[in-house]
PDB file of N, CA and C in Angstrom:
ATOM      1  N   MET A   1     -49.418 -46.108 -57.545  1.00  0.00           N
ATOM      2  CA  MET A   1     -49.525 -47.417 -58.123  1.00  0.00           C
ATOM      3  C   MET A   1     -49.784 -48.450 -57.023  1.00  0.00           C
ATOM      4  N   LYS A   2     -50.682 -49.376 -57.302  1.00  0.00           N
ATOM      5  CA  LYS A   2     -51.052 -50.382 -56.319  1.00  0.00           C
ATOM      6  C   LYS A   2     -49.984 -51.478 -56.242  1.00  0.00           C
ATOM      7  N   THR A   3     -49.847 -52.012 -55.037  1.00  0.00           N
ATOM      8  CA  THR A   3     -48.940 -53.139 -54.869  1.00  0.00           C
ATOM      9  C   THR A   3     -49.654 -54.428 -55.280  1.00  0.00           C
ATOM     10  N   ILE A   4     -48.888 -55.473 -55.425  1.00  0.00           N
ATOM     11  CA  ILE A   4     -49.463 -56.762 -55.813  1.00  0.00           C
ATOM     12  C   ILE A   4     -50.445 -57.237 -54.747  1.00  0.00           C
ATOM     13  N   GLN A   5     -50.115 -57.028 -53.479  1.00  0.00           N
ATOM     14  CA  GLN A   5     -50.990 -57.465 -52.398  1.00  0.00           C
ATOM     15  C   GLN A   5     -52.321 -56.722 -52.438  1.00  0.00           C
ATOM     16  N   GLU A   6     -52.315 -55.433 -52.751  1.00  0.00           N
ATOM     17  CA  GLU A   6     -53.561 -54.670 -52.853  1.00  0.00           C
ATOM     18  C   GLU A   6     -54.423 -55.173 -54.004  1.00  0.00           C
ATOM     19  N   ILE A   7     -53.778 -55.516 -55.116  1.00  0.00           N
ATOM     20  CA  ILE A   7     -54.512 -56.032 -56.275  1.00  0.00           C
ATOM     21  C   ILE A   7     -55.133 -57.387 -55.948  1.00  0.00           C
ATOM     22  N   LEU A   8     -54.349 -58.256 -55.292  1.00  0.00           N
ATOM     23  CA  LEU A   8     -54.869 -59.566 -54.918  1.00  0.00           C
ATOM     24  C   LEU A   8     -56.019 -59.445 -53.917  1.00  0.00           C
ATOM     25  N   ASN A   9     -55.885 -58.529 -52.945  1.00  0.00           N
ATOM     26  CA  ASN A   9     -56.966 -58.309 -51.987  1.00  0.00           C
ATOM     27  C   ASN A   9     -58.224 -57.805 -52.674  1.00  0.00           C
ATOM     28  N   ALA A  10     -58.061 -56.954 -53.682  1.00  0.00           N
ATOM     29  CA  ALA A  10     -59.221 -56.462 -54.432  1.00  0.00           C
ATOM     30  C   ALA A  10     -59.908 -57.602 -55.185  1.00  0.00           C
ATOM     31  N   LEU A  11     -59.147 -58.609 -55.566  1.00  0.00           N
ATOM     32  CA  LEU A  11     -59.713 -59.773 -56.253  1.00  0.00           C
ATOM     33  C   LEU A  11     -60.243 -60.825 -55.280  1.00  0.00           C
ATOM     34  N   GLY A  12     -60.083 -60.586 -53.978  1.00  0.00           N
ATOM     35  CA  GLY A  12     -60.553 -61.536 -52.979  1.00  0.00           C
ATOM     36  C   GLY A  12     -59.560 -62.635 -52.667  1.00  0.00           C
ATOM     37  N   LEU A  13     -58.289 -62.396 -52.975  1.00  0.00           N
ATOM     38  CA  LEU A  13     -57.257 -63.392 -52.736  1.00  0.00           C
ATOM     39  C   LEU A  13     -56.352 -62.929 -51.599  1.00  0.00           C
ATOM     40  N   ASN A  14     -56.149 -63.792 -50.616  1.00  0.00           N
ATOM     41  CA  ASN A  14     -55.289 -63.501 -49.476  1.00  0.00           C
ATOM     42  C   ASN A  14     -53.951 -64.203 -49.717  1.00  0.00           C
ATOM     43  N   ILE A  15     -52.892 -63.429 -49.862  1.00  0.00           N
ATOM     44  CA  ILE A  15     -51.583 -63.982 -50.214  1.00  0.00           C
ATOM     45  C   ILE A  15     -51.088 -64.956 -49.147  1.00  0.00           C
ATOM     46  N   THR A  16     -51.382 -64.693 -47.885  1.00  0.00           N
ATOM     47  CA  THR A  16     -50.973 -65.592 -46.807  1.00  0.00           C
ATOM     48  C   THR A  16     -51.633 -66.953 -46.962  1.00  0.00           C
ATOM     49  N   LEU A  17     -52.920 -66.951 -47.266  1.00  0.00           N
ATOM     50  CA  LEU A  17     -53.640 -68.212 -47.428  1.00  0.00           C
ATOM     51  C   LEU A  17     -53.214 -68.943 -48.694  1.00  0.00           C
ATOM     52  N   LEU A  18     -52.942 -68.189 -49.752  1.00  0.00           N
ATOM     53  CA  LEU A  18     -52.490 -68.819 -50.988  1.00  0.00           C
ATOM     54  C   LEU A  18     -51.146 -69.521 -50.789  1.00  0.00           C
ATOM     55  N   ILE A  19     -50.220 -68.845 -50.113  1.00  0.00           N
ATOM     56  CA  ILE A  19     -48.900 -69.434 -49.881  1.00  0.00           C
ATOM     57  C   ILE A  19     -49.003 -70.620 -48.925  1.00  0.00           C
ATOM     58  N   GLY A  20     -49.751 -70.449 -47.834  1.00  0.00           N
ATOM     59  CA  GLY A  20     -49.916 -71.548 -46.877  1.00  0.00           C
ATOM     60  C   GLY A  20     -50.575 -72.760 -47.517  1.00  0.00           C
ATOM     61  N   GLY A  21     -51.624 -72.528 -48.302  1.00  0.00           N
ATOM     62  CA  GLY A  21     -52.298 -73.633 -48.971  1.00  0.00           C
ATOM     63  C   GLY A  21     -51.432 -74.302 -50.013  1.00  0.00           C
ATOM     64  N   ALA A  22     -50.633 -73.514 -50.734  1.00  0.00           N
ATOM     65  CA  ALA A  22     -49.739 -74.084 -51.744  1.00  0.00           C
ATOM     66  C   ALA A  22     -48.652 -74.935 -51.095  1.00  0.00           C
ATOM     67  N   ILE A  23     -48.076 -74.450 -49.999  1.00  0.00           N
ATOM     68  CA  ILE A  23     -47.045 -75.226 -49.306  1.00  0.00           C
ATOM     69  C   ILE A  23     -47.638 -76.502 -48.718  1.00  0.00           C
ATOM     70  N   GLY A  24     -48.814 -76.375 -48.106  1.00  0.00           N
ATOM     71  CA  GLY A  24     -49.465 -77.555 -47.536  1.00  0.00           C
ATOM     72  C   GLY A  24     -49.805 -78.592 -48.588  1.00  0.00           C
ATOM     73  N   SER A  25     -50.321 -78.149 -49.719  1.00  0.00           N
ATOM     74  CA  SER A  25     -50.675 -79.113 -50.764  1.00  0.00           C
ATOM     75  C   SER A  25     -49.425 -79.691 -51.432  1.00  0.00           C
ATOM     76  N   PHE A  26     -48.352 -78.897 -51.490  1.00  0.00           N
ATOM     77  CA  PHE A  26     -47.091 -79.408 -52.037  1.00  0.00           C
ATOM     78  C   PHE A  26     -46.552 -80.542 -51.169  1.00  0.00           C
ATOM     79  N   ILE A  27     -46.647 -80.373 -49.864  1.00  0.00           N
ATOM     80  CA  ILE A  27     -46.190 -81.414 -48.947  1.00  0.00           C
ATOM     81  C   ILE A  27     -47.073 -82.659 -49.052  1.00  0.00           C
ATOM     82  N   GLY A  28     -48.374 -82.454 -49.298  1.00  0.00           N
ATOM     83  CA  GLY A  28     -49.308 -83.565 -49.354  1.00  0.00           C
ATOM     84  C   GLY A  28     -49.468 -84.210 -50.717  1.00  0.00           C
ATOM     85  N   ILE A  29     -48.628 -83.850 -51.676  1.00  0.00           N
ATOM     86  CA  ILE A  29     -48.737 -84.427 -53.025  1.00  0.00           C
ATOM     87  C   ILE A  29     -48.442 -85.922 -52.977  1.00  0.00           C
ATOM     88  N   LYS A  30     -49.261 -86.674 -53.693  1.00  0.00           N
ATOM     89  CA  LYS A  30     -49.033 -88.116 -53.801  1.00  0.00           C
ATOM     90  C   LYS A  30     -47.960 -88.364 -54.865  1.00  0.00           C
ATOM     91  N   LYS A  31     -47.002 -89.166 -54.525  1.00  0.00           N
ATOM     92  CA  LYS A  31     -45.904 -89.477 -55.443  1.00  0.00           C
ATOM     93  C   LYS A  31     -46.391 -90.383 -56.570  1.00  0.00           C
ATOM     94  N   GLY A  32     -45.735 -90.286 -57.700  1.00  0.00           N
ATOM     95  CA  GLY A  32     -46.059 -91.138 -58.826  1.00  0.00           C
ATOM     96  C   GLY A  32     -47.091 -90.549 -59.782  1.00  0.00           C
ATOM     97  N   GLN A  33     -47.571 -89.343 -59.501  1.00  0.00           N
ATOM     98  CA  GLN A  33     -48.518 -88.695 -60.403  1.00  0.00           C
ATOM     99  C   GLN A  33     -47.749 -87.894 -61.445  1.00  0.00           C
ATOM    100  N   PRO A  34     -48.358 -87.645 -62.602  1.00  0.00           N
ATOM    101  CA  PRO A  34     -47.691 -86.804 -63.606  1.00  0.00           C
ATOM    102  C   PRO A  34     -47.446 -85.391 -63.055  1.00  0.00           C
ATOM    103  N   TRP A  35     -46.437 -84.716 -63.608  1.00  0.00           N
ATOM    104  CA  TRP A  35     -46.062 -83.383 -63.113  1.00  0.00           C
ATOM    105  C   TRP A  35     -47.198 -82.392 -63.249  1.00  0.00           C
ATOM    106  N   TRP A  36     -47.995 -82.491 -64.323  1.00  0.00           N
ATOM    107  CA  TRP A  36     -49.078 -81.516 -64.522  1.00  0.00           C
ATOM    108  C   TRP A  36     -50.173 -81.715 -63.482  1.00  0.00           C
ATOM    109  N   LEU A  37     -50.406 -82.947 -63.039  1.00  0.00           N
ATOM    110  CA  LEU A  37     -51.405 -83.205 -62.007  1.00  0.00           C
ATOM    111  C   LEU A  37     -50.910 -82.728 -60.648  1.00  0.00           C
ATOM    112  N   GLN A  38     -49.612 -82.863 -60.404  1.00  0.00           N
ATOM    113  CA  GLN A  38     -49.044 -82.351 -59.160  1.00  0.00           C
ATOM    114  C   GLN A  38     -49.130 -80.825 -59.108  1.00  0.00           C
ATOM    115  N   THR A  39     -48.859 -80.166 -60.243  1.00  0.00           N
ATOM    116  CA  THR A  39     -48.962 -78.707 -60.318  1.00  0.00           C
ATOM    117  C   THR A  39     -50.395 -78.260 -60.096  1.00  0.00           C
ATOM    118  N   LEU A  40     -51.324 -78.951 -60.713  1.00  0.00           N
ATOM    119  CA  LEU A  40     -52.739 -78.630 -60.533  1.00  0.00           C
ATOM    120  C   LEU A  40     -53.166 -78.819 -59.083  1.00  0.00           C
ATOM    121  N   THR A  41     -52.625 -79.833 -58.431  1.00  0.00           N
ATOM    122  CA  THR A  41     -52.933 -80.079 -57.022  1.00  0.00           C
ATOM    123  C   THR A  41     -52.455 -78.931 -56.147  1.00  0.00           C
ATOM    124  N   VAL A  42     -51.276 -78.391 -56.422  1.00  0.00           N
ATOM    125  CA  VAL A  42     -50.743 -77.272 -55.637  1.00  0.00           C
ATOM    126  C   VAL A  42     -51.622 -76.034 -55.812  1.00  0.00           C
ATOM    127  N   PHE A  43     -51.997 -75.716 -57.047  1.00  0.00           N
ATOM    128  CA  PHE A  43     -52.858 -74.556 -57.279  1.00  0.00           C
ATOM    129  C   PHE A  43     -54.239 -74.752 -56.664  1.00  0.00           C
ATOM    130  N   THR A  44     -54.767 -75.953 -56.774  1.00  0.00           N
ATOM    131  CA  THR A  44     -56.072 -76.231 -56.182  1.00  0.00           C
ATOM    132  C   THR A  44     -56.024 -76.096 -54.670  1.00  0.00           C
ATOM    133  N   GLY A  45     -54.981 -76.623 -54.047  1.00  0.00           N
ATOM    134  CA  GLY A  45     -54.830 -76.497 -52.597  1.00  0.00           C
ATOM    135  C   GLY A  45     -54.728 -75.053 -52.153  1.00  0.00           C
ATOM    136  N   ALA A  46     -54.034 -74.236 -52.945  1.00  0.00           N
ATOM    137  CA  ALA A  46     -53.906 -72.814 -52.610  1.00  0.00           C
ATOM    138  C   ALA A  46     -55.256 -72.115 -52.655  1.00  0.00           C
ATOM    139  N   PHE A  47     -56.029 -72.373 -53.690  1.00  0.00           N
ATOM    140  CA  PHE A  47     -57.319 -71.697 -53.811  1.00  0.00           C
ATOM    141  C   PHE A  47     -58.361 -72.249 -52.844  1.00  0.00           C
ATOM    142  N   ILE A  48     -58.303 -73.547 -52.551  1.00  0.00           N
ATOM    143  CA  ILE A  48     -59.193 -74.103 -51.533  1.00  0.00           C
ATOM    144  C   ILE A  48     -58.888 -73.466 -50.181  1.00  0.00           C
ATOM    145  N   ALA A  49     -57.607 -73.309 -49.857  1.00  0.00           N
ATOM    146  CA  ALA A  49     -57.220 -72.677 -48.595  1.00  0.00           C
ATOM    147  C   ALA A  49     -57.681 -71.227 -48.550  1.00  0.00           C
ATOM    148  N   ASN A  50     -57.596 -70.531 -49.669  1.00  0.00           N
ATOM    149  CA  ASN A  50     -57.993 -69.123 -49.710  1.00  0.00           C
ATOM    150  C   ASN A  50     -59.476 -68.945 -49.367  1.00  0.00           C
ATOM    151  N   TYR A  51     -60.305 -69.842 -49.818  1.00  0.00           N
ATOM    152  CA  TYR A  51     -61.738 -69.659 -49.644  1.00  0.00           C
ATOM    153  C   TYR A  51     -62.332 -70.437 -48.481  1.00  0.00           C
ATOM    154  N   THR A  52     -61.703 -71.533 -48.047  1.00  0.00           N
ATOM    155  CA  THR A  52     -62.302 -72.309 -46.959  1.00  0.00           C
ATOM    156  C   THR A  52     -61.664 -72.056 -45.594  1.00  0.00           C
ATOM    157  N   ALA A  53     -60.429 -71.606 -45.535  1.00  0.00           N
ATOM    158  CA  ALA A  53     -59.787 -71.355 -44.237  1.00  0.00           C
ATOM    159  C   ALA A  53     -60.549 -70.312 -43.418  1.00  0.00           C
ATOM    160  N   PRO A  54     -61.003 -69.195 -44.004  1.00  0.00           N
ATOM    161  CA  PRO A  54     -61.790 -68.251 -43.196  1.00  0.00           C
ATOM    162  C   PRO A  54     -63.093 -68.861 -42.668  1.00  0.00           C
ATOM    163  N   VAL A  55     -63.694 -69.752 -43.442  1.00  0.00           N
ATOM    164  CA  VAL A  55     -64.925 -70.412 -42.999  1.00  0.00           C
ATOM    165  C   VAL A  55     -64.633 -71.336 -41.820  1.00  0.00           C
ATOM    166  N   VAL A  56     -63.525 -72.089 -41.902  1.00  0.00           N
ATOM    167  CA  VAL A  56     -63.145 -73.000 -40.822  1.00  0.00           C
ATOM    168  C   VAL A  56     -62.838 -72.209 -39.557  1.00  0.00           C
ATOM    169  N   VAL A  57     -62.113 -71.107 -39.681  1.00  0.00           N
ATOM    170  CA  VAL A  57     -61.783 -70.268 -38.523  1.00  0.00           C
ATOM    171  C   VAL A  57     -63.057 -69.731 -37.889  1.00  0.00           C
ATOM    172  N   ASP A  58     -64.010 -69.313 -38.705  1.00  0.00           N
ATOM    173  CA  ASP A  58     -65.274 -68.784 -38.189  1.00  0.00           C
ATOM    174  C   ASP A  58     -66.121 -69.877 -37.541  1.00  0.00           C
ATOM    175  N   LEU A  59     -66.195 -71.048 -38.169  1.00  0.00           N
ATOM    176  CA  LEU A  59     -67.005 -72.142 -37.632  1.00  0.00           C
ATOM    177  C   LEU A  59     -66.524 -72.603 -36.260  1.00  0.00           C
ATOM    178  N   PHE A  60     -65.214 -72.662 -36.079  1.00  0.00           N
ATOM    179  CA  PHE A  60     -64.663 -73.151 -34.826  1.00  0.00           C
ATOM    180  C   PHE A  60     -64.316 -72.034 -33.850  1.00  0.00           C
ATOM    181  N   GLY A  61     -64.639 -70.793 -34.182  1.00  0.00           N
ATOM    182  CA  GLY A  61     -64.416 -69.671 -33.283  1.00  0.00           C
ATOM    183  C   GLY A  61     -62.955 -69.422 -32.967  1.00  0.00           C
ATOM    184  N   MET A  62     -62.094 -69.650 -33.928  1.00  0.00           N
ATOM    185  CA  MET A  62     -60.658 -69.463 -33.724  1.00  0.00           C
ATOM    186  C   MET A  62     -60.290 -67.985 -33.846  1.00  0.00           C
ATOM    187  N   ASN A  63     -59.098 -67.681 -33.379  1.00  0.00           N
ATOM    188  CA  ASN A  63     -58.549 -66.338 -33.488  1.00  0.00           C
ATOM    189  C   ASN A  63     -58.123 -66.093 -34.942  1.00  0.00           C
ATOM    190  N   ALA A  64     -58.249 -64.864 -35.411  1.00  0.00           N
ATOM    191  CA  ALA A  64     -57.870 -64.525 -36.788  1.00  0.00           C
ATOM    192  C   ALA A  64     -56.378 -64.730 -37.037  1.00  0.00           C
ATOM    193  N   ASN A  65     -55.573 -64.742 -35.983  1.00  0.00           N
ATOM    194  CA  ASN A  65     -54.137 -64.968 -36.139  1.00  0.00           C
ATOM    195  C   ASN A  65     -53.820 -66.395 -36.579  1.00  0.00           C
ATOM    196  N   SER A  66     -54.749 -67.309 -36.403  1.00  0.00           N
ATOM    197  CA  SER A  66     -54.521 -68.701 -36.789  1.00  0.00           C
ATOM    198  C   SER A  66     -54.889 -68.971 -38.244  1.00  0.00           C
ATOM    199  N   LEU A  67     -55.257 -67.937 -38.978  1.00  0.00           N
ATOM    200  CA  LEU A  67     -55.720 -68.095 -40.351  1.00  0.00           C
ATOM    201  C   LEU A  67     -54.662 -68.723 -41.266  1.00  0.00           C
ATOM    202  N   GLY A  68     -53.421 -68.294 -41.158  1.00  0.00           N
ATOM    203  CA  GLY A  68     -52.355 -68.852 -41.995  1.00  0.00           C
ATOM    204  C   GLY A  68     -52.113 -70.328 -41.721  1.00  0.00           C
ATOM    205  N   GLY A  69     -52.128 -70.704 -40.450  1.00  0.00           N
ATOM    206  CA  GLY A  69     -51.949 -72.111 -40.093  1.00  0.00           C
ATOM    207  C   GLY A  69     -53.101 -72.975 -40.560  1.00  0.00           C
ATOM    208  N   VAL A  70     -54.308 -72.457 -40.445  1.00  0.00           N
ATOM    209  CA  VAL A  70     -55.472 -73.195 -40.933  1.00  0.00           C
ATOM    210  C   VAL A  70     -55.398 -73.310 -42.452  1.00  0.00           C
ATOM    211  N   GLY A  71     -54.925 -72.264 -43.122  1.00  0.00           N
ATOM    212  CA  GLY A  71     -54.747 -72.328 -44.571  1.00  0.00           C
ATOM    213  C   GLY A  71     -53.766 -73.412 -44.968  1.00  0.00           C
ATOM    214  N   PHE A  72     -52.685 -73.547 -44.208  1.00  0.00           N
ATOM    215  CA  PHE A  72     -51.714 -74.605 -44.465  1.00  0.00           C
ATOM    216  C   PHE A  72     -52.352 -75.981 -44.294  1.00  0.00           C
ATOM    217  N   LEU A  73     -53.088 -76.158 -43.200  1.00  0.00           N
ATOM    218  CA  LEU A  73     -53.726 -77.454 -42.945  1.00  0.00           C
ATOM    219  C   LEU A  73     -54.767 -77.799 -43.999  1.00  0.00           C
ATOM    220  N   VAL A  74     -55.555 -76.814 -44.395  1.00  0.00           N
ATOM    221  CA  VAL A  74     -56.567 -77.050 -45.420  1.00  0.00           C
ATOM    222  C   VAL A  74     -55.890 -77.377 -46.751  1.00  0.00           C
ATOM    223  N   GLY A  75     -54.808 -76.674 -47.077  1.00  0.00           N
ATOM    224  CA  GLY A  75     -54.069 -76.990 -48.293  1.00  0.00           C
ATOM    225  C   GLY A  75     -53.471 -78.374 -48.256  1.00  0.00           C
ATOM    226  N   TYR A  76     -52.997 -78.790 -47.076  1.00  0.00           N
ATOM    227  CA  TYR A  76     -52.414 -80.124 -46.918  1.00  0.00           C
ATOM    228  C   TYR A  76     -53.478 -81.203 -47.117  1.00  0.00           C
ATOM    229  N   MET A  77     -54.648 -80.969 -46.551  1.00  0.00           N
ATOM    230  CA  MET A  77     -55.718 -81.950 -46.669  1.00  0.00           C
ATOM    231  C   MET A  77     -56.362 -81.928 -48.049  1.00  0.00           C
ATOM    232  N   GLY A  78     -56.173 -80.836 -48.768  1.00  0.00           N
ATOM    233  CA  GLY A  78     -56.633 -80.741 -50.149  1.00  0.00           C
ATOM    234  C   GLY A  78     -58.116 -80.868 -50.313  1.00  0.00           C
ATOM    235  N   LYS A  79     -58.514 -81.497 -51.374  1.00  0.00           N
ATOM    236  CA  LYS A  79     -59.929 -81.589 -51.703  1.00  0.00           C
ATOM    237  C   LYS A  79     -60.712 -82.421 -50.696  1.00  0.00           C
ATOM    238  N   HIS A  80     -60.017 -83.258 -49.934  1.00  0.00           N
ATOM    239  CA  HIS A  80     -60.704 -84.071 -48.936  1.00  0.00           C
ATOM    240  C   HIS A  80     -61.317 -83.192 -47.851  1.00  0.00           C
ATOM    241  N   SER A  81     -60.628 -82.128 -47.463  1.00  0.00           N
ATOM    242  CA  SER A  81     -61.187 -81.220 -46.462  1.00  0.00           C
ATOM    243  C   SER A  81     -62.391 -80.471 -47.023  1.00  0.00           C
ATOM    244  N   LEU A  82     -62.337 -80.109 -48.283  1.00  0.00           N
ATOM    245  CA  LEU A  82     -63.469 -79.429 -48.897  1.00  0.00           C
ATOM    246  C   LEU A  82     -64.696 -80.340 -48.908  1.00  0.00           C
ATOM    247  N   GLU A  83     -64.517 -81.599 -49.261  1.00  0.00           N
ATOM    248  CA  GLU A  83     -65.624 -82.547 -49.250  1.00  0.00           C
ATOM    249  C   GLU A  83     -66.173 -82.720 -47.834  1.00  0.00           C
ATOM    250  N   PHE A  84     -65.300 -82.784 -46.832  1.00  0.00           N
ATOM    251  CA  PHE A  84     -65.714 -82.933 -45.446  1.00  0.00           C
ATOM    252  C   PHE A  84     -66.535 -81.735 -44.982  1.00  0.00           C
ATOM    253  N   ILE A  85     -66.073 -80.534 -45.288  1.00  0.00           N
ATOM    254  CA  ILE A  85     -66.773 -79.322 -44.870  1.00  0.00           C
ATOM    255  C   ILE A  85     -68.136 -79.222 -45.545  1.00  0.00           C
ATOM    256  N   ILE A  86     -68.202 -79.538 -46.816  1.00  0.00           N
ATOM    257  CA  ILE A  86     -69.477 -79.489 -47.531  1.00  0.00           C
ATOM    258  C   ILE A  86     -70.462 -80.481 -46.923  1.00  0.00           C
ATOM    259  N   ASP A  87     -70.004 -81.678 -46.600  1.00  0.00           N
ATOM    260  CA  ASP A  87     -70.874 -82.673 -45.963  1.00  0.00           C
ATOM    261  C   ASP A  87     -71.378 -82.184 -44.609  1.00  0.00           C
ATOM    262  N   LYS A  88     -70.503 -81.558 -43.826  1.00  0.00           N
ATOM    263  CA  LYS A  88     -70.909 -81.036 -42.506  1.00  0.00           C
ATOM    264  C   LYS A  88     -71.922 -79.910 -42.649  1.00  0.00           C
ATOM    265  N   LEU A  89     -71.730 -79.033 -43.636  1.00  0.00           N
ATOM    266  CA  LEU A  89     -72.675 -77.941 -43.828  1.00  0.00           C
ATOM    267  C   LEU A  89     -74.020 -78.449 -44.339  1.00  0.00           C
ATOM    268  N   LYS A  90     -74.012 -79.501 -45.128  1.00  0.00           N
ATOM    269  CA  LYS A  90     -75.258 -80.081 -45.616  1.00  0.00           C
ATOM    270  C   LYS A  90     -76.064 -80.705 -44.479  1.00  0.00           C
ATOM    271  N   SER A  91     -75.366 -81.264 -43.485  1.00  0.00           N
ATOM    272  CA  SER A  91     -76.061 -81.921 -42.394  1.00  0.00           C
ATOM    273  C   SER A  91     -76.666 -80.939 -41.396  1.00  0.00           C
ATOM    274  N   LYS A  92     -76.248 -79.680 -41.434  1.00  0.00           N
ATOM    275  CA  LYS A  92     -76.811 -78.663 -40.508  1.00  0.00           C
ATOM    276  C   LYS A  92     -78.128 -78.135 -40.983  1.00  0.00           C
TER     277      LYS A  92
END
């Protein structure tokens, strides 16, 4: 029987990046928003970290060991980091 981590890896989800992005986005939540928007922000930060942290590590030539920390930072910055990265890639 497969473990949860094996199933998530088969789906393209890295549990380290999901947790780091969720914690980062939880810390970066803006106060005064409805609870459902805060929850959506945490999930969005987790998935943004899962898919953009490896790209950031590759672009800046970082060590693969820094992936979890980059996932946390990307989750903390939330959608703003995604917009920044897309703008930078468009300019290349």
